[in-house]
Amino acid sequence: QVQLVESGGGLVQAGGSLRLSCTASGSAFSSYGMGWFRQAPGKERGFVAAISTWNGAHTQYADSVKGRFTISRDNAGNTVYMQMNSLNPENTAVYYCAARLFSTMPTSATAYTYWGQGTQVTVSS
């Protein structure tokens, strides 16, 4: 069983940056592929980024965030991060982290087993 807790959300002006964190409880964190998803009001939860197991050598991003967002992991701290730069109002959403054991970085939300409660990101224009 894995419990995930996100933090780092908040209110930021367009063009600004935020770094989200997701800390996992339990053991064998490095065995979990991790993903970030987001859900804006009235929209479905959508894929943002994913990182592979172990040393996180492989990452994947939604086209809309490539070059602006960076996902990384710290296995010693049981934490996955997402650095978000050049934010715009369209990035306003609740951001969720998710985990799947021995993941191959799926982009579908249904593929993930464990979810955090989410952290709100609001970008003002």
C-alpha atoms as a PDB file:
ATOM      1  CA  GLN A   1       0.000   0.000   0.000  1.00  0.00           C
ATOM      2  CA  VAL A   2       1.297   3.436  -0.941  1.00  0.00           C
ATOM      3  CA  GLN A   3       0.010   6.772   0.288  1.00  0.00           C
ATOM      4  CA  LEU A   4       0.814   9.882  -1.723  1.00  0.00           C
ATOM      5  CA  VAL A   5       0.749  13.456  -0.469  1.00  0.00           C
ATOM      6  CA  GLU A   6       1.155  16.385  -2.863  1.00  0.00           C
ATOM      7  CA  SER A   7       2.338  19.857  -1.926  1.00  0.00           C
ATOM      8  CA  GLY A   8       3.647  22.984  -3.553  1.00  0.00           C
ATOM      9  CA  GLY A   9       0.555  24.284  -5.274  1.00  0.00           C
ATOM     10  CA  GLY A  10      -0.612  27.860  -4.973  1.00  0.00           C
ATOM     11  CA  LEU A  11      -1.384  31.076  -6.779  1.00  0.00           C
ATOM     12  CA  VAL A  12       1.136  32.388  -9.281  1.00  0.00           C
ATOM     13  CA  GLN A  13       1.108  35.026 -12.001  1.00  0.00           C
ATOM     14  CA  ALA A  14       1.378  34.095 -15.644  1.00  0.00           C
ATOM     15  CA  GLY A  15       4.990  33.492 -16.576  1.00  0.00           C
ATOM     16  CA  GLY A  16       5.860  32.347 -13.083  1.00  0.00           C
ATOM     17  CA  SER A  17       7.040  29.017 -11.737  1.00  0.00           C
ATOM     18  CA  LEU A  18       6.033  26.460  -9.151  1.00  0.00           C
ATOM     19  CA  ARG A  19       7.531  23.193  -7.986  1.00  0.00           C
ATOM     20  CA  LEU A  20       5.156  20.454  -6.966  1.00  0.00           C
ATOM     21  CA  SER A  21       6.218  17.657  -4.644  1.00  0.00           C
ATOM     22  CA  CYS A  22       4.660  14.281  -4.018  1.00  0.00           C
ATOM     23  CA  THR A  23       5.909  12.263  -1.072  1.00  0.00           C
ATOM     24  CA  ALA A  24       5.114   8.586  -0.765  1.00  0.00           C
ATOM     25  CA  SER A  25       4.801   6.445   2.305  1.00  0.00           C
ATOM     26  CA  GLY A  26       5.707   2.785   2.349  1.00  0.00           C
ATOM     27  CA  SER A  27       8.670   0.940   1.006  1.00  0.00           C
ATOM     28  CA  ALA A  28      10.122   0.183  -2.392  1.00  0.00           C
ATOM     29  CA  PHE A  29       9.388   3.651  -3.759  1.00  0.00           C
ATOM     30  CA  SER A  30      11.940   3.189  -6.496  1.00  0.00           C
ATOM     31  CA  SER A  31       9.897   0.295  -7.868  1.00  0.00           C
ATOM     32  CA  TYR A  32       6.990   2.596  -8.680  1.00  0.00           C
ATOM     33  CA  GLY A  33       6.579   4.494 -11.860  1.00  0.00           C
ATOM     34  CA  MET A  34       5.178   7.912 -11.045  1.00  0.00           C
ATOM     35  CA  GLY A  35       2.911  10.220 -12.959  1.00  0.00           C
ATOM     36  CA  TRP A  36       1.401  13.681 -12.685  1.00  0.00           C
ATOM     37  CA  PHE A  37      -2.109  14.407 -13.898  1.00  0.00           C
ATOM     38  CA  ARG A  38      -4.308  17.470 -13.705  1.00  0.00           C
ATOM     39  CA  GLN A  39      -7.989  18.233 -13.732  1.00  0.00           C
ATOM     40  CA  ALA A  40      -9.488  21.613 -14.477  1.00  0.00           C
ATOM     41  CA  PRO A  41     -13.117  22.435 -13.608  1.00  0.00           C
ATOM     42  CA  GLY A  42     -15.500  20.725 -15.982  1.00  0.00           C
ATOM     43  CA  LYS A  43     -12.747  18.722 -17.666  1.00  0.00           C
ATOM     44  CA  GLU A  44     -11.497  15.189 -17.425  1.00  0.00           C
ATOM     45  CA  ARG A  45      -8.317  14.324 -15.600  1.00  0.00           C
ATOM     46  CA  GLY A  46      -5.478  14.496 -18.087  1.00  0.00           C
ATOM     47  CA  PHE A  47      -1.900  13.291 -18.300  1.00  0.00           C
ATOM     48  CA  VAL A  48       0.903  15.755 -17.658  1.00  0.00           C
ATOM     49  CA  ALA A  49       4.133  13.834 -17.086  1.00  0.00           C
ATOM     50  CA  ALA A  50       5.538  10.475 -16.037  1.00  0.00           C
ATOM     51  CA  ILE A  51       8.856   9.094 -14.871  1.00  0.00           C
ATOM     52  CA  SER A  52      10.160   5.561 -14.946  1.00  0.00           C
ATOM     53  CA  THR A  53      11.073   3.358 -12.028  1.00  0.00           C
ATOM     54  CA  TRP A  54      14.502   3.065 -10.388  1.00  0.00           C
ATOM     55  CA  ASN A  55      16.700   5.982 -11.411  1.00  0.00           C
ATOM     56  CA  GLY A  56      14.031   7.745 -13.437  1.00  0.00           C
ATOM     57  CA  ALA A  57      16.110   7.635 -16.576  1.00  0.00           C
ATOM     58  CA  HIS A  58      13.026   7.884 -18.774  1.00  0.00           C
ATOM     59  CA  THR A  59      10.399  10.586 -18.757  1.00  0.00           C
ATOM     60  CA  GLN A  60       7.348  11.420 -20.823  1.00  0.00           C
ATOM     61  CA  TYR A  61       5.356  14.635 -21.162  1.00  0.00           C
ATOM     62  CA  ALA A  62       2.129  15.872 -22.599  1.00  0.00           C
ATOM     63  CA  ASP A  63       2.792  17.980 -25.689  1.00  0.00           C
ATOM     64  CA  SER A  64       1.336  21.047 -24.027  1.00  0.00           C
ATOM     65  CA  VAL A  65       3.982  21.090 -21.286  1.00  0.00           C
ATOM     66  CA  LYS A  66       7.096  19.895 -23.103  1.00  0.00           C
ATOM     67  CA  GLY A  67       9.978  22.258 -22.561  1.00  0.00           C
ATOM     68  CA  ARG A  68       8.247  23.966 -19.624  1.00  0.00           C
ATOM     69  CA  PHE A  69       7.652  21.199 -17.074  1.00  0.00           C
ATOM     70  CA  THR A  70      10.254  18.789 -15.710  1.00  0.00           C
ATOM     71  CA  ILE A  71       9.530  15.672 -13.687  1.00  0.00           C
ATOM     72  CA  SER A  72      12.192  14.165 -11.435  1.00  0.00           C
ATOM     73  CA  ARG A  73      12.459  11.788  -8.516  1.00  0.00           C
ATOM     74  CA  ASP A  74      14.443  11.424  -5.308  1.00  0.00           C
ATOM     75  CA  ASN A  75      14.245   7.824  -4.190  1.00  0.00           C
ATOM     76  CA  ALA A  76      16.088   8.472  -0.933  1.00  0.00           C
ATOM     77  CA  GLY A  77      13.359  10.937   0.011  1.00  0.00           C
ATOM     78  CA  ASN A  78      10.460   8.953  -1.488  1.00  0.00           C
ATOM     79  CA  THR A  79       9.534  12.043  -3.461  1.00  0.00           C
ATOM     80  CA  VAL A  80       8.701  12.921  -7.031  1.00  0.00           C
ATOM     81  CA  TYR A  81       8.834  16.519  -8.193  1.00  0.00           C
ATOM     82  CA  MET A  82       7.444  18.520 -11.052  1.00  0.00           C
ATOM     83  CA  GLN A  83       9.072  21.823 -11.858  1.00  0.00           C
ATOM     84  CA  MET A  84       6.637  24.030 -13.772  1.00  0.00           C
ATOM     85  CA  ASN A  85       7.955  27.078 -15.600  1.00  0.00           C
ATOM     86  CA  SER A  86       6.358  29.680 -17.855  1.00  0.00           C
ATOM     87  CA  LEU A  87       2.952  28.979 -16.395  1.00  0.00           C
ATOM     88  CA  ASN A  88      -0.156  30.330 -18.077  1.00  0.00           C
ATOM     89  CA  PRO A  89      -3.817  30.491 -17.016  1.00  0.00           C
ATOM     90  CA  GLU A  90      -4.590  27.344 -19.003  1.00  0.00           C
ATOM     91  CA  ASN A  91      -2.424  25.442 -16.524  1.00  0.00           C
ATOM     92  CA  THR A  92      -4.878  26.196 -13.710  1.00  0.00           C
ATOM     93  CA  ALA A  93      -6.075  22.879 -12.302  1.00  0.00           C
ATOM     94  CA  VAL A  94      -5.835  20.466  -9.431  1.00  0.00           C
ATOM     95  CA  TYR A  95      -2.648  18.479  -9.898  1.00  0.00           C
ATOM     96  CA  TYR A  96      -2.486  14.871  -8.784  1.00  0.00           C
ATOM     97  CA  CYS A  97       0.408  12.463  -8.500  1.00  0.00           C
ATOM     98  CA  ALA A  98      -0.079   8.777  -9.108  1.00  0.00           C
ATOM     99  CA  ALA A  99       1.915   5.588  -8.706  1.00  0.00           C
ATOM    100  CA  ARG A 100       1.979   2.221 -10.375  1.00  0.00           C
ATOM    101  CA  LEU A 101       4.236  -0.667  -9.437  1.00  0.00           C
ATOM    102  CA  PHE A 102       6.805  -1.522 -12.089  1.00  0.00           C
ATOM    103  CA  SER A 103       5.263   1.061 -14.368  1.00  0.00           C
ATOM    104  CA  THR A 104       6.109   1.552 -18.003  1.00  0.00           C
ATOM    105  CA  MET A 105       5.034   5.183 -17.771  1.00  0.00           C
ATOM    106  CA  PRO A 106       1.434   4.856 -18.880  1.00  0.00           C
ATOM    107  CA  THR A 107      -0.344   8.050 -19.877  1.00  0.00           C
ATOM    108  CA  SER A 108      -3.803   6.778 -18.996  1.00  0.00           C
ATOM    109  CA  ALA A 109      -5.110   7.606 -15.541  1.00  0.00           C
ATOM    110  CA  THR A 110      -6.805   4.220 -15.311  1.00  0.00           C
ATOM    111  CA  ALA A 111      -3.432   2.497 -15.398  1.00  0.00           C
ATOM    112  CA  TYR A 112      -2.324   3.942 -12.069  1.00  0.00           C
ATOM    113  CA  THR A 113      -3.069   2.253  -8.785  1.00  0.00           C
ATOM    114  CA  TYR A 114      -2.440   4.893  -6.141  1.00  0.00           C
ATOM    115  CA  TRP A 115      -3.401   8.554  -6.109  1.00  0.00           C
ATOM    116  CA  GLY A 116      -2.814  11.562  -3.942  1.00  0.00           C
ATOM    117  CA  GLN A 117      -5.485  14.043  -2.896  1.00  0.00           C
ATOM    118  CA  GLY A 118      -4.275  16.744  -5.255  1.00  0.00           C
ATOM    119  CA  THR A 119      -2.879  20.235  -4.933  1.00  0.00           C
ATOM    120  CA  GLN A 120      -4.458  23.328  -6.470  1.00  0.00           C
ATOM    121  CA  VAL A 121      -2.477  25.395  -8.952  1.00  0.00           C
ATOM    122  CA  THR A 122      -3.970  28.710  -9.985  1.00  0.00           C
ATOM    123  CA  VAL A 123      -2.313  30.915 -12.584  1.00  0.00           C
ATOM    124  CA  SER A 124      -3.565  34.475 -12.857  1.00  0.00           C
ATOM    125  CA  SER A 125      -3.319  36.523 -16.032  1.00  0.00           C
END
